[in-house]
């Protein structure tokens, strides 16, 4: 899942089954993939947080579609998620945004 889109950042969230280290990646659709992302990192999770994790991905381009995924061990990847950053506050071409729950 993703949430809280800003012009240069989004939160991405998942729950692992029992792994402590989770690799995440975010990329531009049709340009990159998990192995050639715009941003990537490793985040730890544990039973104390029910194996959930949230990543604040910063340094992204405004008003841009992204895809992301998580991997607990090589080859064990989540489904691909889709998200979008918000436009810049002064972007007058932007008229509306749909947010799902």
PDB file of N, CA and C in Angstrom:
ATOM      1  N   UNK A   1       0.849  -1.180   0.000  1.00  0.00           N
ATOM      2  CA  UNK A   1       0.000   0.000   0.000  1.00  0.00           C
ATOM      3  C   UNK A   1       0.885   1.231   0.000  1.00  0.00           C
ATOM      4  N   UNK A   2       0.323   2.352  -0.411  1.00  0.00           N
ATOM      5  CA  UNK A   2       1.043   3.621  -0.339  1.00  0.00           C
ATOM      6  C   UNK A   2       0.111   4.679   0.234  1.00  0.00           C
ATOM      7  N   UNK A   3       0.710   5.735   0.757  1.00  0.00           N
ATOM      8  CA  UNK A   3      -0.088   6.767   1.411  1.00  0.00           C
ATOM      9  C   UNK A   3       0.680   8.081   1.460  1.00  0.00           C
ATOM     10  N   UNK A   4      -0.017   9.121   1.872  1.00  0.00           N
ATOM     11  CA  UNK A   4       0.552  10.433   2.167  1.00  0.00           C
ATOM     12  C   UNK A   4       1.441  10.982   1.047  1.00  0.00           C
ATOM     13  N   UNK A   5       0.899  11.083  -0.180  1.00  0.00           N
ATOM     14  CA  UNK A   5       1.735  11.609  -1.267  1.00  0.00           C
ATOM     15  C   UNK A   5       2.057  13.086  -1.081  1.00  0.00           C
ATOM     16  N   UNK A   6       3.307  13.411  -1.212  1.00  0.00           N
ATOM     17  CA  UNK A   6       3.791  14.795  -1.259  1.00  0.00           C
ATOM     18  C   UNK A   6       4.403  15.003  -2.632  1.00  0.00           C
ATOM     19  N   UNK A   7       4.803  16.207  -2.947  1.00  0.00           N
ATOM     20  CA  UNK A   7       5.381  16.474  -4.262  1.00  0.00           C
ATOM     21  C   UNK A   7       6.695  15.732  -4.466  1.00  0.00           C
ATOM     22  N   UNK A   8       7.407  15.425  -3.384  1.00  0.00           N
ATOM     23  CA  UNK A   8       8.708  14.769  -3.524  1.00  0.00           C
ATOM     24  C   UNK A   8       8.838  13.478  -2.716  1.00  0.00           C
ATOM     25  N   UNK A   9       7.707  12.944  -2.226  1.00  0.00           N
ATOM     26  CA  UNK A   9       7.794  11.764  -1.371  1.00  0.00           C
ATOM     27  C   UNK A   9       6.458  11.026  -1.294  1.00  0.00           C
ATOM     28  N   UNK A  10       6.532   9.743  -0.958  1.00  0.00           N
ATOM     29  CA  UNK A  10       5.353   8.919  -0.636  1.00  0.00           C
ATOM     30  C   UNK A  10       5.754   7.942   0.457  1.00  0.00           C
ATOM     31  N   UNK A  11       4.762   7.445   1.184  1.00  0.00           N
ATOM     32  CA  UNK A  11       4.980   6.347   2.111  1.00  0.00           C
ATOM     33  C   UNK A  11       4.580   5.057   1.411  1.00  0.00           C
ATOM     34  N   UNK A  12       5.399   4.020   1.534  1.00  0.00           N
ATOM     35  CA  UNK A  12       5.003   2.699   1.048  1.00  0.00           C
ATOM     36  C   UNK A  12       5.000   1.766   2.256  1.00  0.00           C
ATOM     37  N   UNK A  13       4.070   0.828   2.270  1.00  0.00           N
ATOM     38  CA  UNK A  13       3.821   0.007   3.448  1.00  0.00           C
ATOM     39  C   UNK A  13       3.608  -1.440   3.041  1.00  0.00           C
ATOM     40  N   UNK A  14       4.043  -2.363   3.887  1.00  0.00           N
ATOM     41  CA  UNK A  14       3.753  -3.778   3.674  1.00  0.00           C
ATOM     42  C   UNK A  14       3.835  -4.521   4.995  1.00  0.00           C
ATOM     43  N   UNK A  15       3.482  -5.782   4.942  1.00  0.00           N
ATOM     44  CA  UNK A  15       3.624  -6.682   6.081  1.00  0.00           C
ATOM     45  C   UNK A  15       4.337  -7.926   5.584  1.00  0.00           C
ATOM     46  N   UNK A  16       5.416  -8.286   6.249  1.00  0.00           N
ATOM     47  CA  UNK A  16       6.167  -9.496   5.902  1.00  0.00           C
ATOM     48  C   UNK A  16       5.641 -10.663   6.729  1.00  0.00           C
ATOM     49  N   UNK A  17       5.963 -11.874   6.318  1.00  0.00           N
ATOM     50  CA  UNK A  17       5.486 -13.035   7.071  1.00  0.00           C
ATOM     51  C   UNK A  17       6.290 -13.244   8.348  1.00  0.00           C
ATOM     52  N   UNK A  18       7.599 -13.176   8.266  1.00  0.00           N
ATOM     53  CA  UNK A  18       8.415 -13.346   9.471  1.00  0.00           C
ATOM     54  C   UNK A  18       9.867 -12.911   9.267  1.00  0.00           C
ATOM     55  N   UNK A  19      10.171 -12.306   8.155  1.00  0.00           N
ATOM     56  CA  UNK A  19      11.550 -11.916   7.878  1.00  0.00           C
ATOM     57  C   UNK A  19      11.902 -10.619   8.608  1.00  0.00           C
ATOM     58  N   UNK A  20      13.133 -10.481   8.984  1.00  0.00           N
ATOM     59  CA  UNK A  20      13.582  -9.292   9.691  1.00  0.00           C
ATOM     60  C   UNK A  20      14.076  -8.199   8.743  1.00  0.00           C
ATOM     61  N   UNK A  21      14.665  -8.566   7.610  1.00  0.00           N
ATOM     62  CA  UNK A  21      15.184  -7.590   6.658  1.00  0.00           C
ATOM     63  C   UNK A  21      14.370  -7.642   5.369  1.00  0.00           C
ATOM     64  N   UNK A  22      13.856  -6.504   4.956  1.00  0.00           N
ATOM     65  CA  UNK A  22      13.032  -6.426   3.754  1.00  0.00           C
ATOM     66  C   UNK A  22      13.637  -5.381   2.819  1.00  0.00           C
ATOM     67  N   UNK A  23      13.934  -5.783   1.597  1.00  0.00           N
ATOM     68  CA  UNK A  23      14.432  -4.855   0.588  1.00  0.00           C
ATOM     69  C   UNK A  23      13.233  -4.260  -0.135  1.00  0.00           C
ATOM     70  N   UNK A  24      13.264  -2.955  -0.367  1.00  0.00           N
ATOM     71  CA  UNK A  24      12.210  -2.284  -1.121  1.00  0.00           C
ATOM     72  C   UNK A  24      12.833  -1.560  -2.299  1.00  0.00           C
ATOM     73  N   UNK A  25      12.030  -1.346  -3.337  1.00  0.00           N
ATOM     74  CA  UNK A  25      12.491  -0.615  -4.519  1.00  0.00           C
ATOM     75  C   UNK A  25      11.309   0.126  -5.112  1.00  0.00           C
ATOM     76  N   UNK A  26      11.586   1.289  -5.692  1.00  0.00           N
ATOM     77  CA  UNK A  26      10.565   2.089  -6.369  1.00  0.00           C
ATOM     78  C   UNK A  26      11.157   2.557  -7.690  1.00  0.00           C
ATOM     79  N   UNK A  27      10.339   2.497  -8.761  1.00  0.00           N
ATOM     80  CA  UNK A  27      10.845   2.807 -10.098  1.00  0.00           C
ATOM     81  C   UNK A  27       9.767   3.442 -10.952  1.00  0.00           C
ATOM     82  N   UNK A  28      10.190   3.968 -12.095  1.00  0.00           N
ATOM     83  CA  UNK A  28       9.268   4.558 -13.062  1.00  0.00           C
ATOM     84  C   UNK A  28       8.691   3.457 -13.940  1.00  0.00           C
ATOM     85  N   UNK A  29       7.368   3.382 -14.071  1.00  0.00           N
ATOM     86  CA  UNK A  29       6.755   2.336 -14.896  1.00  0.00           C
ATOM     87  C   UNK A  29       7.262   2.393 -16.335  1.00  0.00           C
ATOM     88  N   UNK A  30       7.582   1.234 -16.880  1.00  0.00           N
ATOM     89  CA  UNK A  30       8.037   1.160 -18.265  1.00  0.00           C
ATOM     90  C   UNK A  30       9.479   1.565 -18.470  1.00  0.00           C
ATOM     91  N   UNK A  31      10.135   2.066 -17.426  1.00  0.00           N
ATOM     92  CA  UNK A  31      11.526   2.505 -17.543  1.00  0.00           C
ATOM     93  C   UNK A  31      12.429   1.630 -16.686  1.00  0.00           C
ATOM     94  N   UNK A  32      12.012   1.402 -15.446  1.00  0.00           N
ATOM     95  CA  UNK A  32      12.818   0.609 -14.527  1.00  0.00           C
ATOM     96  C   UNK A  32      12.058  -0.606 -14.054  1.00  0.00           C
ATOM     97  N   UNK A  33      12.647  -1.279 -13.067  1.00  0.00           N
ATOM     98  CA  UNK A  33      12.004  -2.401 -12.405  1.00  0.00           C
ATOM     99  C   UNK A  33      12.684  -2.585 -11.057  1.00  0.00           C
ATOM    100  N   UNK A  34      12.379  -3.678 -10.365  1.00  0.00           N
ATOM    101  CA  UNK A  34      12.948  -3.906  -9.036  1.00  0.00           C
ATOM    102  C   UNK A  34      14.468  -3.904  -9.071  1.00  0.00           C
ATOM    103  N   UNK A  35      15.032  -4.402 -10.141  1.00  0.00           N
ATOM    104  CA  UNK A  35      16.489  -4.504 -10.250  1.00  0.00           C
ATOM    105  C   UNK A  35      17.155  -3.252 -10.805  1.00  0.00           C
ATOM    106  N   UNK A  36      16.378  -2.285 -11.271  1.00  0.00           N
ATOM    107  CA  UNK A  36      16.934  -1.002 -11.731  1.00  0.00           C
ATOM    108  C   UNK A  36      16.009   0.129 -11.280  1.00  0.00           C
ATOM    109  N   UNK A  37      15.953   0.350  -9.952  1.00  0.00           N
ATOM    110  CA  UNK A  37      15.015   1.320  -9.388  1.00  0.00           C
ATOM    111  C   UNK A  37      15.547   2.749  -9.367  1.00  0.00           C
ATOM    112  N   UNK A  38      14.635   3.663  -9.099  1.00  0.00           N
ATOM    113  CA  UNK A  38      14.986   5.060  -8.839  1.00  0.00           C
ATOM    114  C   UNK A  38      15.547   5.167  -7.425  1.00  0.00           C
ATOM    115  N   UNK A  39      14.929   4.445  -6.497  1.00  0.00           N
ATOM    116  CA  UNK A  39      15.363   4.401  -5.090  1.00  0.00           C
ATOM    117  C   UNK A  39      15.218   2.971  -4.595  1.00  0.00           C
ATOM    118  N   UNK A  40      16.074   2.577  -3.660  1.00  0.00           N
ATOM    119  CA  UNK A  40      15.983   1.254  -3.047  1.00  0.00           C
ATOM    120  C   UNK A  40      16.567   1.322  -1.647  1.00  0.00           C
ATOM    121  N   UNK A  41      16.250   0.333  -0.842  1.00  0.00           N
ATOM    122  CA  UNK A  41      16.792   0.289   0.507  1.00  0.00           C
ATOM    123  C   UNK A  41      16.414  -0.994   1.202  1.00  0.00           C
ATOM    124  N   UNK A  42      16.915  -1.158   2.423  1.00  0.00           N
ATOM    125  CA  UNK A  42      16.593  -2.309   3.253  1.00  0.00           C
ATOM    126  C   UNK A  42      16.040  -1.774   4.565  1.00  0.00           C
ATOM    127  N   UNK A  43      14.913  -2.351   4.988  1.00  0.00           N
ATOM    128  CA  UNK A  43      14.253  -1.954   6.224  1.00  0.00           C
ATOM    129  C   UNK A  43      14.042  -3.180   7.088  1.00  0.00           C
ATOM    130  N   UNK A  44      14.184  -3.022   8.376  1.00  0.00           N
ATOM    131  CA  UNK A  44      13.986  -4.124   9.309  1.00  0.00           C
ATOM    132  C   UNK A  44      12.570  -4.115   9.852  1.00  0.00           C
ATOM    133  N   UNK A  45      12.058  -5.308  10.134  1.00  0.00           N
ATOM    134  CA  UNK A  45      10.771  -5.450  10.802  1.00  0.00           C
ATOM    135  C   UNK A  45      10.878  -6.595  11.794  1.00  0.00           C
ATOM    136  N   UNK A  46       9.932  -6.668  12.707  1.00  0.00           N
ATOM    137  CA  UNK A  46       9.977  -7.707  13.735  1.00  0.00           C
ATOM    138  C   UNK A  46       8.585  -7.994  14.271  1.00  0.00           C
ATOM    139  N   UNK A  47       8.507  -8.975  15.143  1.00  0.00           N
ATOM    140  CA  UNK A  47       7.220  -9.334  15.732  1.00  0.00           C
ATOM    141  C   UNK A  47       6.661  -8.215  16.603  1.00  0.00           C
ATOM    142  N   UNK A  48       7.518  -7.349  17.108  1.00  0.00           N
ATOM    143  CA  UNK A  48       7.042  -6.254  17.974  1.00  0.00           C
ATOM    144  C   UNK A  48       6.143  -5.270  17.228  1.00  0.00           C
ATOM    145  N   UNK A  49       6.233  -5.261  15.888  1.00  0.00           N
ATOM    146  CA  UNK A  49       5.355  -4.407  15.069  1.00  0.00           C
ATOM    147  C   UNK A  49       4.541  -5.262  14.100  1.00  0.00           C
ATOM    148  N   UNK A  50       4.335  -6.531  14.478  1.00  0.00           N
ATOM    149  CA  UNK A  50       3.556  -7.485  13.682  1.00  0.00           C
ATOM    150  C   UNK A  50       4.122  -7.621  12.269  1.00  0.00           C
ATOM    151  N   UNK A  51       5.419  -7.499  12.126  1.00  0.00           N
ATOM    152  CA  UNK A  51       6.138  -7.653  10.861  1.00  0.00           C
ATOM    153  C   UNK A  51       5.693  -6.639   9.800  1.00  0.00           C
ATOM    154  N   UNK A  52       5.186  -5.492  10.237  1.00  0.00           N
ATOM    155  CA  UNK A  52       4.826  -4.443   9.283  1.00  0.00           C
ATOM    156  C   UNK A  52       6.002  -3.481   9.138  1.00  0.00           C
ATOM    157  N   UNK A  53       6.006  -2.746   8.046  1.00  0.00           N
ATOM    158  CA  UNK A  53       7.016  -1.710   7.854  1.00  0.00           C
ATOM    159  C   UNK A  53       6.472  -0.619   6.955  1.00  0.00           C
ATOM    160  N   UNK A  54       6.917   0.583   7.219  1.00  0.00           N
ATOM    161  CA  UNK A  54       6.563   1.753   6.417  1.00  0.00           C
ATOM    162  C   UNK A  54       7.848   2.455   6.024  1.00  0.00           C
ATOM    163  N   UNK A  55       7.969   2.778   4.745  1.00  0.00           N
ATOM    164  CA  UNK A  55       9.151   3.456   4.231  1.00  0.00           C
ATOM    165  C   UNK A  55       8.735   4.827   3.716  1.00  0.00           C
ATOM    166  N   UNK A  56       9.405   5.860   4.180  1.00  0.00           N
ATOM    167  CA  UNK A  56       9.190   7.220   3.684  1.00  0.00           C
ATOM    168  C   UNK A  56      10.182   7.434   2.539  1.00  0.00           C
ATOM    169  N   UNK A  57       9.702   7.277   1.311  1.00  0.00           N
ATOM    170  CA  UNK A  57      10.566   7.397   0.131  1.00  0.00           C
ATOM    171  C   UNK A  57      10.601   8.862  -0.276  1.00  0.00           C
ATOM    172  N   UNK A  58      11.758   9.485  -0.180  1.00  0.00           N
ATOM    173  CA  UNK A  58      11.917  10.913  -0.483  1.00  0.00           C
ATOM    174  C   UNK A  58      12.772  11.102  -1.732  1.00  0.00           C
ATOM    175  N   UNK A  59      12.828  12.342  -2.215  1.00  0.00           N
ATOM    176  CA  UNK A  59      13.654  12.654  -3.373  1.00  0.00           C
ATOM    177  C   UNK A  59      13.031  12.247  -4.692  1.00  0.00           C
ATOM    178  N   UNK A  60      11.692  12.149  -4.731  1.00  0.00           N
ATOM    179  CA  UNK A  60      10.995  11.754  -5.951  1.00  0.00           C
ATOM    180  C   UNK A  60      10.560  12.982  -6.744  1.00  0.00           C
ATOM    181  N   UNK A  61      10.188  12.772  -7.987  1.00  0.00           N
ATOM    182  CA  UNK A  61       9.724  13.865  -8.855  1.00  0.00           C
ATOM    183  C   UNK A  61       8.244  14.141  -8.589  1.00  0.00           C
ATOM    184  N   UNK A  62       7.822  15.395  -8.670  1.00  0.00           N
ATOM    185  CA  UNK A  62       6.411  15.720  -8.436  1.00  0.00           C
ATOM    186  C   UNK A  62       5.496  15.233  -9.555  1.00  0.00           C
ATOM    187  N   UNK A  63       4.244  14.934  -9.176  1.00  0.00           N
ATOM    188  CA  UNK A  63       3.193  14.588 -10.134  1.00  0.00           C
ATOM    189  C   UNK A  63       3.625  13.447 -11.064  1.00  0.00           C
ATOM    190  N   UNK A  64       4.210  12.407 -10.481  1.00  0.00           N
ATOM    191  CA  UNK A  64       4.805  11.326 -11.259  1.00  0.00           C
ATOM    192  C   UNK A  64       4.302   9.970 -10.765  1.00  0.00           C
ATOM    193  N   UNK A  65       3.994   9.074 -11.717  1.00  0.00           N
ATOM    194  CA  UNK A  65       3.611   7.704 -11.386  1.00  0.00           C
ATOM    195  C   UNK A  65       4.855   6.890 -11.061  1.00  0.00           C
ATOM    196  N   UNK A  66       4.723   6.020 -10.066  1.00  0.00           N
ATOM    197  CA  UNK A  66       5.798   5.095  -9.688  1.00  0.00           C
ATOM    198  C   UNK A  66       5.207   3.717  -9.442  1.00  0.00           C
ATOM    199  N   UNK A  67       6.038   2.701  -9.551  1.00  0.00           N
ATOM    200  CA  UNK A  67       5.714   1.344  -9.136  1.00  0.00           C
ATOM    201  C   UNK A  67       6.724   0.954  -8.067  1.00  0.00           C
ATOM    202  N   UNK A  68       6.317   0.043  -7.176  1.00  0.00           N
ATOM    203  CA  UNK A  68       7.207  -0.366  -6.093  1.00  0.00           C
ATOM    204  C   UNK A  68       6.920  -1.808  -5.703  1.00  0.00           C
ATOM    205  N   UNK A  69       7.876  -2.418  -5.012  1.00  0.00           N
ATOM    206  CA  UNK A  69       7.702  -3.780  -4.501  1.00  0.00           C
ATOM    207  C   UNK A  69       8.658  -3.995  -3.338  1.00  0.00           C
ATOM    208  N   UNK A  70       8.420  -5.085  -2.625  1.00  0.00           N
ATOM    209  CA  UNK A  70       9.241  -5.485  -1.483  1.00  0.00           C
ATOM    210  C   UNK A  70       9.745  -6.897  -1.729  1.00  0.00           C
ATOM    211  N   UNK A  71      10.915  -7.219  -1.131  1.00  0.00           N
ATOM    212  CA  UNK A  71      11.492  -8.553  -1.289  1.00  0.00           C
ATOM    213  C   UNK A  71      12.078  -8.984   0.054  1.00  0.00           C
ATOM    214  N   UNK A  72      11.677 -10.187   0.522  1.00  0.00           N
ATOM    215  CA  UNK A  72      12.207 -10.675   1.792  1.00  0.00           C
ATOM    216  C   UNK A  72      13.480 -11.494   1.606  1.00  0.00           C
ATOM    217  N   UNK A  73      13.526 -12.297   0.582  1.00  0.00           N
ATOM    218  CA  UNK A  73      14.732 -13.038   0.189  1.00  0.00           C
ATOM    219  C   UNK A  73      14.783 -12.975  -1.329  1.00  0.00           C
ATOM    220  N   UNK A  74      15.951 -13.144  -1.949  1.00  0.00           N
ATOM    221  CA  UNK A  74      16.000 -13.059  -3.410  1.00  0.00           C
ATOM    222  C   UNK A  74      14.949 -13.932  -4.078  1.00  0.00           C
ATOM    223  N   UNK A  75      14.152 -13.316  -4.922  1.00  0.00           N
ATOM    224  CA  UNK A  75      13.117 -14.026  -5.658  1.00  0.00           C
ATOM    225  C   UNK A  75      11.757 -14.074  -4.979  1.00  0.00           C
ATOM    226  N   UNK A  76      11.687 -13.740  -3.694  1.00  0.00           N
ATOM    227  CA  UNK A  76      10.417 -13.748  -2.965  1.00  0.00           C
ATOM    228  C   UNK A  76       9.909 -12.311  -2.859  1.00  0.00           C
ATOM    229  N   UNK A  77       9.279 -11.837  -3.947  1.00  0.00           N
ATOM    230  CA  UNK A  77       8.834 -10.440  -4.037  1.00  0.00           C
ATOM    231  C   UNK A  77       7.332 -10.306  -3.888  1.00  0.00           C
ATOM    232  N   UNK A  78       6.953  -9.148  -3.413  1.00  0.00           N
ATOM    233  CA  UNK A  78       5.536  -8.819  -3.315  1.00  0.00           C
ATOM    234  C   UNK A  78       4.971  -8.515  -4.701  1.00  0.00           C
ATOM    235  N   UNK A  79       3.681  -8.365  -4.755  1.00  0.00           N
ATOM    236  CA  UNK A  79       3.069  -7.854  -5.982  1.00  0.00           C
ATOM    237  C   UNK A  79       3.539  -6.425  -6.181  1.00  0.00           C
ATOM    238  N   UNK A  80       3.502  -5.971  -7.414  1.00  0.00           N
ATOM    239  CA  UNK A  80       3.901  -4.597  -7.726  1.00  0.00           C
ATOM    240  C   UNK A  80       2.775  -3.654  -7.326  1.00  0.00           C
ATOM    241  N   UNK A  81       3.140  -2.625  -6.556  1.00  0.00           N
ATOM    242  CA  UNK A  81       2.193  -1.586  -6.170  1.00  0.00           C
ATOM    243  C   UNK A  81       2.367  -0.369  -7.061  1.00  0.00           C
ATOM    244  N   UNK A  82       1.335   0.450  -7.124  1.00  0.00           N
ATOM    245  CA  UNK A  82       1.388   1.679  -7.918  1.00  0.00           C
ATOM    246  C   UNK A  82       1.077   2.860  -7.020  1.00  0.00           C
ATOM    247  N   UNK A  83       1.781   3.950  -7.225  1.00  0.00           N
ATOM    248  CA  UNK A  83       1.567   5.159  -6.452  1.00  0.00           C
ATOM    249  C   UNK A  83       1.868   6.370  -7.324  1.00  0.00           C
ATOM    250  N   UNK A  84       1.585   7.542  -6.813  1.00  0.00           N
ATOM    251  CA  UNK A  84       1.840   8.782  -7.552  1.00  0.00           C
ATOM    252  C   UNK A  84       2.165   9.878  -6.551  1.00  0.00           C
ATOM    253  N   UNK A  85       3.160  10.673  -6.867  1.00  0.00           N
ATOM    254  CA  UNK A  85       3.467  11.826  -6.027  1.00  0.00           C
ATOM    255  C   UNK A  85       2.485  12.952  -6.335  1.00  0.00           C
ATOM    256  N   UNK A  86       2.315  13.837  -5.393  1.00  0.00           N
ATOM    257  CA  UNK A  86       1.441  14.998  -5.577  1.00  0.00           C
ATOM    258  C   UNK A  86       2.139  16.030  -6.460  1.00  0.00           C
ATOM    259  N   UNK A  87       1.371  16.917  -7.074  1.00  0.00           N
ATOM    260  CA  UNK A  87       1.999  17.994  -7.840  1.00  0.00           C
ATOM    261  C   UNK A  87       2.577  19.051  -6.904  1.00  0.00           C
ATOM    262  N   UNK A  88       3.384  19.924  -7.455  1.00  0.00           N
ATOM    263  CA  UNK A  88       3.891  21.058  -6.682  1.00  0.00           C
ATOM    264  C   UNK A  88       2.718  21.936  -6.263  1.00  0.00           C
ATOM    265  N   UNK A  89       2.839  22.599  -5.139  1.00  0.00           N
ATOM    266  CA  UNK A  89       1.754  23.433  -4.616  1.00  0.00           C
ATOM    267  C   UNK A  89       1.367  24.547  -5.581  1.00  0.00           C
ATOM    268  N   UNK A  90       2.303  25.029  -6.364  1.00  0.00           N
ATOM    269  CA  UNK A  90       2.014  26.139  -7.287  1.00  0.00           C
ATOM    270  C   UNK A  90       1.690  25.665  -8.711  1.00  0.00           C
ATOM    271  N   UNK A  91       1.427  24.388  -8.892  1.00  0.00           N
ATOM    272  CA  UNK A  91       1.100  23.830 -10.207  1.00  0.00           C
ATOM    273  C   UNK A  91      -0.348  24.160 -10.546  1.00  0.00           C
ATOM    274  N   UNK A  92      -0.558  25.146 -11.392  1.00  0.00           N
ATOM    275  CA  UNK A  92      -1.915  25.591 -11.737  1.00  0.00           C
ATOM    276  C   UNK A  92      -2.611  24.664 -12.717  1.00  0.00           C
ATOM    277  N   UNK A  93      -1.886  23.737 -13.346  1.00  0.00           N
ATOM    278  CA  UNK A  93      -2.518  22.798 -14.270  1.00  0.00           C
ATOM    279  C   UNK A  93      -3.219  21.656 -13.531  1.00  0.00           C
ATOM    280  N   UNK A  94      -2.923  21.514 -12.253  1.00  0.00           N
ATOM    281  CA  UNK A  94      -3.503  20.447 -11.442  1.00  0.00           C
ATOM    282  C   UNK A  94      -4.873  20.881 -10.936  1.00  0.00           C
ATOM    283  N   UNK A  95      -5.895  20.055 -11.177  1.00  0.00           N
ATOM    284  CA  UNK A  95      -7.244  20.437 -10.764  1.00  0.00           C
ATOM    285  C   UNK A  95      -7.869  19.493  -9.747  1.00  0.00           C
ATOM    286  N   UNK A  96      -7.474  18.206  -9.729  1.00  0.00           N
ATOM    287  CA  UNK A  96      -8.059  17.291  -8.758  1.00  0.00           C
ATOM    288  C   UNK A  96      -7.164  16.086  -8.543  1.00  0.00           C
ATOM    289  N   UNK A  97      -7.416  15.397  -7.429  1.00  0.00           N
ATOM    290  CA  UNK A  97      -6.660  14.195  -7.096  1.00  0.00           C
ATOM    291  C   UNK A  97      -7.635  13.190  -6.485  1.00  0.00           C
ATOM    292  N   UNK A  98      -7.575  11.943  -6.941  1.00  0.00           N
ATOM    293  CA  UNK A  98      -8.390  10.888  -6.358  1.00  0.00           C
ATOM    294  C   UNK A  98      -7.530  10.084  -5.398  1.00  0.00           C
ATOM    295  N   UNK A  99      -8.078   9.831  -4.238  1.00  0.00           N
ATOM    296  CA  UNK A  99      -7.362   9.046  -3.228  1.00  0.00           C
ATOM    297  C   UNK A  99      -8.269   7.892  -2.839  1.00  0.00           C
ATOM    298  N   UNK A 100      -7.752   6.666  -2.956  1.00  0.00           N
ATOM    299  CA  UNK A 100      -8.524   5.482  -2.594  1.00  0.00           C
ATOM    300  C   UNK A 100      -8.227   5.045  -1.183  1.00  0.00           C
ATOM    301  N   UNK A 101      -9.165   4.344  -0.599  1.00  0.00           N
ATOM    302  CA  UNK A 101      -8.946   3.814   0.746  1.00  0.00           C
ATOM    303  C   UNK A 101      -9.264   2.342   0.762  1.00  0.00           C
TER     304      UNK A 101
END
